[in-house]
PDB file of N, CA and C in Angstrom:
ATOM      1  N   UNK A   1     103.142  89.730  98.139  1.00  0.00           N
ATOM      2  CA  UNK A   1     102.790  91.100  98.395  1.00  0.00           C
ATOM      3  C   UNK A   1     103.033  91.409  99.860  1.00  0.00           C
ATOM      4  N   UNK A   2     103.345  92.643 100.116  1.00  0.00           N
ATOM      5  CA  UNK A   2     103.619  93.024 101.497  1.00  0.00           C
ATOM      6  C   UNK A   2     102.353  93.500 102.186  1.00  0.00           C
ATOM      7  N   UNK A   3     102.378  93.394 103.509  1.00  0.00           N
ATOM      8  CA  UNK A   3     101.265  93.871 104.317  1.00  0.00           C
ATOM      9  C   UNK A   3     101.624  95.157 105.035  1.00  0.00           C
ATOM     10  N   UNK A   4     102.888  95.542 105.001  1.00  0.00           N
ATOM     11  CA  UNK A   4     103.317  96.746 105.704  1.00  0.00           C
ATOM     12  C   UNK A   4     104.397  97.467 104.940  1.00  0.00           C
ATOM     13  N   UNK A   5     104.702  98.660 105.403  1.00  0.00           N
ATOM     14  CA  UNK A   5     105.756  99.478 104.789  1.00  0.00           C
ATOM     15  C   UNK A   5     107.100  99.007 105.329  1.00  0.00           C
ATOM     16  N   UNK A   6     108.094  98.903 104.476  1.00  0.00           N
ATOM     17  CA  UNK A   6     109.443  98.552 104.890  1.00  0.00           C
ATOM     18  C   UNK A   6     110.406  99.605 104.366  1.00  0.00           C
ATOM     19  N   UNK A   7     111.157 100.194 105.272  1.00  0.00           N
ATOM     20  CA  UNK A   7     112.167 101.187 104.908  1.00  0.00           C
ATOM     21  C   UNK A   7     113.288 101.100 105.924  1.00  0.00           C
ATOM     22  N   UNK A   8     114.499 101.252 105.466  1.00  0.00           N
ATOM     23  CA  UNK A   8     115.639 101.283 106.377  1.00  0.00           C
ATOM     24  C   UNK A   8     115.680 102.642 107.054  1.00  0.00           C
ATOM     25  N   UNK A   9     116.206 102.663 108.264  1.00  0.00           N
ATOM     26  CA  UNK A   9     116.396 103.933 108.970  1.00  0.00           C
ATOM     27  C   UNK A   9     117.875 104.245 108.982  1.00  0.00           C
ATOM     28  N   UNK A  10     118.346 105.456 108.899  1.00  0.00           N
ATOM     29  CA  UNK A  10     117.569 106.669 109.087  1.00  0.00           C
ATOM     30  C   UNK A  10     116.485 106.807 108.043  1.00  0.00           C
ATOM     31  N   UNK A  11     115.477 107.575 108.408  1.00  0.00           N
ATOM     32  CA  UNK A  11     114.270 107.699 107.584  1.00  0.00           C
ATOM     33  C   UNK A  11     114.596 108.007 106.130  1.00  0.00           C
ATOM     34  N   UNK A  12     113.782 107.432 105.297  1.00  0.00           N
ATOM     35  CA  UNK A  12     113.964 107.632 103.869  1.00  0.00           C
ATOM     36  C   UNK A  12     112.699 107.239 103.135  1.00  0.00           C
ATOM     37  N   UNK A  13     112.819 107.046 101.877  1.00  0.00           N
ATOM     38  CA  UNK A  13     111.694 106.625 101.056  1.00  0.00           C
ATOM     39  C   UNK A  13     111.474 105.138 101.287  1.00  0.00           C
ATOM     40  N   UNK A  14     110.233 104.703 101.526  1.00  0.00           N
ATOM     41  CA  UNK A  14     109.986 103.273 101.749  1.00  0.00           C
ATOM     42  C   UNK A  14     110.468 102.432 100.566  1.00  0.00           C
ATOM     43  N   UNK A  15     111.048 101.289 100.877  1.00  0.00           N
ATOM     44  CA  UNK A  15     111.514 100.377  99.836  1.00  0.00           C
ATOM     45  C   UNK A  15     110.350  99.608  99.233  1.00  0.00           C
ATOM     46  N   UNK A  16     109.315  99.410 100.026  1.00  0.00           N
ATOM     47  CA  UNK A  16     108.146  98.663  99.558  1.00  0.00           C
ATOM     48  C   UNK A  16     106.928  99.088 100.375  1.00  0.00           C
ATOM     49  N   UNK A  17     105.788  99.099  99.725  1.00  0.00           N
ATOM     50  CA  UNK A  17     104.537  99.518 100.355  1.00  0.00           C
ATOM     51  C   UNK A  17     103.543  98.361 100.372  1.00  0.00           C
ATOM     52  N   UNK A  18     102.520  98.434 101.224  1.00  0.00           N
ATOM     53  CA  UNK A  18     101.521  97.362 101.264  1.00  0.00           C
ATOM     54  C   UNK A  18     100.925  97.095  99.885  1.00  0.00           C
ATOM     55  N   UNK A  19     100.829  95.820  99.537  1.00  0.00           N
ATOM     56  CA  UNK A  19     100.250  95.413  98.259  1.00  0.00           C
ATOM     57  C   UNK A  19     101.260  95.205  97.151  1.00  0.00           C
ATOM     58  N   UNK A  20     102.490  95.680  97.331  1.00  0.00           N
ATOM     59  CA  UNK A  20     103.516  95.496  96.295  1.00  0.00           C
ATOM     60  C   UNK A  20     104.139  94.113  96.409  1.00  0.00           C
ATOM     61  N   UNK A  21     104.629  93.613  95.285  1.00  0.00           N
ATOM     62  CA  UNK A  21     105.355  92.340  95.281  1.00  0.00           C
ATOM     63  C   UNK A  21     106.760  92.557  95.834  1.00  0.00           C
ATOM     64  N   UNK A  22     107.193  91.608  96.660  1.00  0.00           N
ATOM     65  CA  UNK A  22     108.524  91.664  97.242  1.00  0.00           C
ATOM     66  C   UNK A  22     109.480  90.973  96.283  1.00  0.00           C
ATOM     67  N   UNK A  23     110.329  91.747  95.602  1.00  0.00           N
ATOM     68  CA  UNK A  23     111.223  91.212  94.576  1.00  0.00           C
ATOM     69  C   UNK A  23     112.639  91.055  95.127  1.00  0.00           C
ATOM     70  N   UNK A  24     113.452  90.312  94.418  1.00  0.00           N
ATOM     71  CA  UNK A  24     114.840  90.090  94.838  1.00  0.00           C
ATOM     72  C   UNK A  24     115.630  91.398  94.946  1.00  0.00           C
ATOM     73  N   UNK A  25     115.497  92.343  94.001  1.00  0.00           N
ATOM     74  CA  UNK A  25     116.224  93.606  94.161  1.00  0.00           C
ATOM     75  C   UNK A  25     115.846  94.368  95.440  1.00  0.00           C
ATOM     76  N   UNK A  26     114.573  94.311  95.827  1.00  0.00           N
ATOM     77  CA  UNK A  26     114.154  94.977  97.068  1.00  0.00           C
ATOM     78  C   UNK A  26     114.756  94.262  98.271  1.00  0.00           C
ATOM     79  N   UNK A  27     114.721  92.932  98.270  1.00  0.00           N
ATOM     80  CA  UNK A  27     115.331  92.177  99.365  1.00  0.00           C
ATOM     81  C   UNK A  27     116.825  92.461  99.463  1.00  0.00           C
ATOM     82  N   UNK A  28     117.496  92.522  98.323  1.00  0.00           N
ATOM     83  CA  UNK A  28     118.933  92.828  98.311  1.00  0.00           C
ATOM     84  C   UNK A  28     119.194  94.206  98.894  1.00  0.00           C
ATOM     85  N   UNK A  29     118.385  95.192  98.513  1.00  0.00           N
ATOM     86  CA  UNK A  29     118.521  96.545  99.047  1.00  0.00           C
ATOM     87  C   UNK A  29     118.356  96.557 100.567  1.00  0.00           C
ATOM     88  N   UNK A  30     117.307  95.882 101.062  1.00  0.00           N
ATOM     89  CA  UNK A  30     117.065  95.855 102.496  1.00  0.00           C
ATOM     90  C   UNK A  30     118.188  95.133 103.244  1.00  0.00           C
ATOM     91  N   UNK A  31     118.636  93.999 102.705  1.00  0.00           N
ATOM     92  CA  UNK A  31     119.717  93.246 103.360  1.00  0.00           C
ATOM     93  C   UNK A  31     121.014  94.049 103.381  1.00  0.00           C
ATOM     94  N   UNK A  32     121.321  94.730 102.286  1.00  0.00           N
ATOM     95  CA  UNK A  32     122.529  95.550 102.223  1.00  0.00           C
ATOM     96  C   UNK A  32     122.464  96.676 103.248  1.00  0.00           C
ATOM     97  N   UNK A  33     121.291  97.292 103.373  1.00  0.00           N
ATOM     98  CA  UNK A  33     121.123  98.354 104.360  1.00  0.00           C
ATOM     99  C   UNK A  33     121.319  97.857 105.778  1.00  0.00           C
ATOM    100  N   UNK A  34     120.747  96.699 106.088  1.00  0.00           N
ATOM    101  CA  UNK A  34     120.894  96.118 107.425  1.00  0.00           C
ATOM    102  C   UNK A  34     122.357  95.781 107.695  1.00  0.00           C
ATOM    103  N   UNK A  35     123.051  95.209 106.710  1.00  0.00           N
ATOM    104  CA  UNK A  35     124.464  94.863 106.877  1.00  0.00           C
ATOM    105  C   UNK A  35     125.323  96.100 107.092  1.00  0.00           C
ATOM    106  N   UNK A  36     124.880  97.240 106.559  1.00  0.00           N
ATOM    107  CA  UNK A  36     125.624  98.495 106.718  1.00  0.00           C
ATOM    108  C   UNK A  36     125.290  99.182 108.040  1.00  0.00           C
ATOM    109  N   UNK A  37     124.391  98.577 108.823  1.00  0.00           N
ATOM    110  CA  UNK A  37     124.089  99.127 110.137  1.00  0.00           C
ATOM    111  C   UNK A  37     122.770  99.871 110.238  1.00  0.00           C
ATOM    112  N   UNK A  38     121.980  99.849 109.177  1.00  0.00           N
ATOM    113  CA  UNK A  38     120.683 100.521 109.232  1.00  0.00           C
ATOM    114  C   UNK A  38     119.682  99.669 109.998  1.00  0.00           C
ATOM    115  N   UNK A  39     118.718 100.340 110.621  1.00  0.00           N
ATOM    116  CA  UNK A  39     117.672  99.675 111.382  1.00  0.00           C
ATOM    117  C   UNK A  39     116.466  99.438 110.484  1.00  0.00           C
ATOM    118  N   UNK A  40     115.876  98.265 110.575  1.00  0.00           N
ATOM    119  CA  UNK A  40     114.675  97.939 109.813  1.00  0.00           C
ATOM    120  C   UNK A  40     113.536  97.783 110.816  1.00  0.00           C
ATOM    121  N   UNK A  41     112.802  98.864 111.091  1.00  0.00           N
ATOM    122  CA  UNK A  41     111.797  98.836 112.162  1.00  0.00           C
ATOM    123  C   UNK A  41     110.603  97.952 111.841  1.00  0.00           C
ATOM    124  N   UNK A  42     110.067  97.335 112.885  1.00  0.00           N
ATOM    125  CA  UNK A  42     108.830  96.556 112.812  1.00  0.00           C
ATOM    126  C   UNK A  42     108.899  95.331 111.912  1.00  0.00           C
ATOM    127  N   UNK A  43     110.073  94.884 111.553  1.00  0.00           N
ATOM    128  CA  UNK A  43     110.199  93.681 110.723  1.00  0.00           C
ATOM    129  C   UNK A  43     110.111  92.439 111.609  1.00  0.00           C
ATOM    130  N   UNK A  44     109.429  91.398 111.131  1.00  0.00           N
ATOM    131  CA  UNK A  44     109.367  90.137 111.866  1.00  0.00           C
ATOM    132  C   UNK A  44     110.770  89.552 112.010  1.00  0.00           C
ATOM    133  N   UNK A  45     111.598  89.718 110.983  1.00  0.00           N
ATOM    134  CA  UNK A  45     113.001  89.289 111.006  1.00  0.00           C
ATOM    135  C   UNK A  45     113.851  90.487 110.610  1.00  0.00           C
ATOM    136  N   UNK A  46     114.387  91.231 111.572  1.00  0.00           N
ATOM    137  CA  UNK A  46     115.134  92.455 111.253  1.00  0.00           C
ATOM    138  C   UNK A  46     116.426  92.220 110.465  1.00  0.00           C
ATOM    139  N   UNK A  47     116.867  90.961 110.337  1.00  0.00           N
ATOM    140  CA  UNK A  47     118.054  90.683 109.535  1.00  0.00           C
ATOM    141  C   UNK A  47     117.702  90.409 108.078  1.00  0.00           C
ATOM    142  N   UNK A  48     116.438  90.261 107.771  1.00  0.00           N
ATOM    143  CA  UNK A  48     115.900  89.994 106.430  1.00  0.00           C
ATOM    144  C   UNK A  48     116.471  88.684 105.863  1.00  0.00           C
ATOM    145  N   UNK A  49     116.705  87.708 106.738  1.00  0.00           N
ATOM    146  CA  UNK A  49     117.147  86.403 106.250  1.00  0.00           C
ATOM    147  C   UNK A  49     115.953  85.489 105.967  1.00  0.00           C
ATOM    148  N   UNK A  50     114.810  85.816 106.551  1.00  0.00           N
ATOM    149  CA  UNK A  50     113.584  85.047 106.323  1.00  0.00           C
ATOM    150  C   UNK A  50     112.453  86.027 106.030  1.00  0.00           C
ATOM    151  N   UNK A  51     111.530  85.594 105.204  1.00  0.00           N
ATOM    152  CA  UNK A  51     110.378  86.424 104.845  1.00  0.00           C
ATOM    153  C   UNK A  51     109.127  85.620 105.167  1.00  0.00           C
ATOM    154  N   UNK A  52     108.225  86.226 105.920  1.00  0.00           N
ATOM    155  CA  UNK A  52     106.970  85.556 106.260  1.00  0.00           C
ATOM    156  C   UNK A  52     106.007  85.716 105.083  1.00  0.00           C
ATOM    157  N   UNK A  53     105.460  84.577 104.614  1.00  0.00           N
ATOM    158  CA  UNK A  53     104.533  84.592 103.485  1.00  0.00           C
ATOM    159  C   UNK A  53     103.127  84.354 104.014  1.00  0.00           C
ATOM    160  N   UNK A  54     102.211  85.234 103.634  1.00  0.00           N
ATOM    161  CA  UNK A  54     100.811  85.114 104.056  1.00  0.00           C
ATOM    162  C   UNK A  54      99.979  84.992 102.783  1.00  0.00           C
ATOM    163  N   UNK A  55      99.147  83.959 102.735  1.00  0.00           N
ATOM    164  CA  UNK A  55      98.294  83.766 101.546  1.00  0.00           C
ATOM    165  C   UNK A  55      96.932  84.382 101.777  1.00  0.00           C
TER     166      UNK A  55
END
């Protein structure tokens, strides 16, 4: 589950909200956006190659 909102910029609809499960399709969407030059604000890893897991 996520602890924060994640959305690519330019501004748009968040890809994931706090409490939602982080699924492979969401990760693929975020990675594709970053590869296309979009900014992923406030991410621990802005390239989305690693995901921090908190239990």
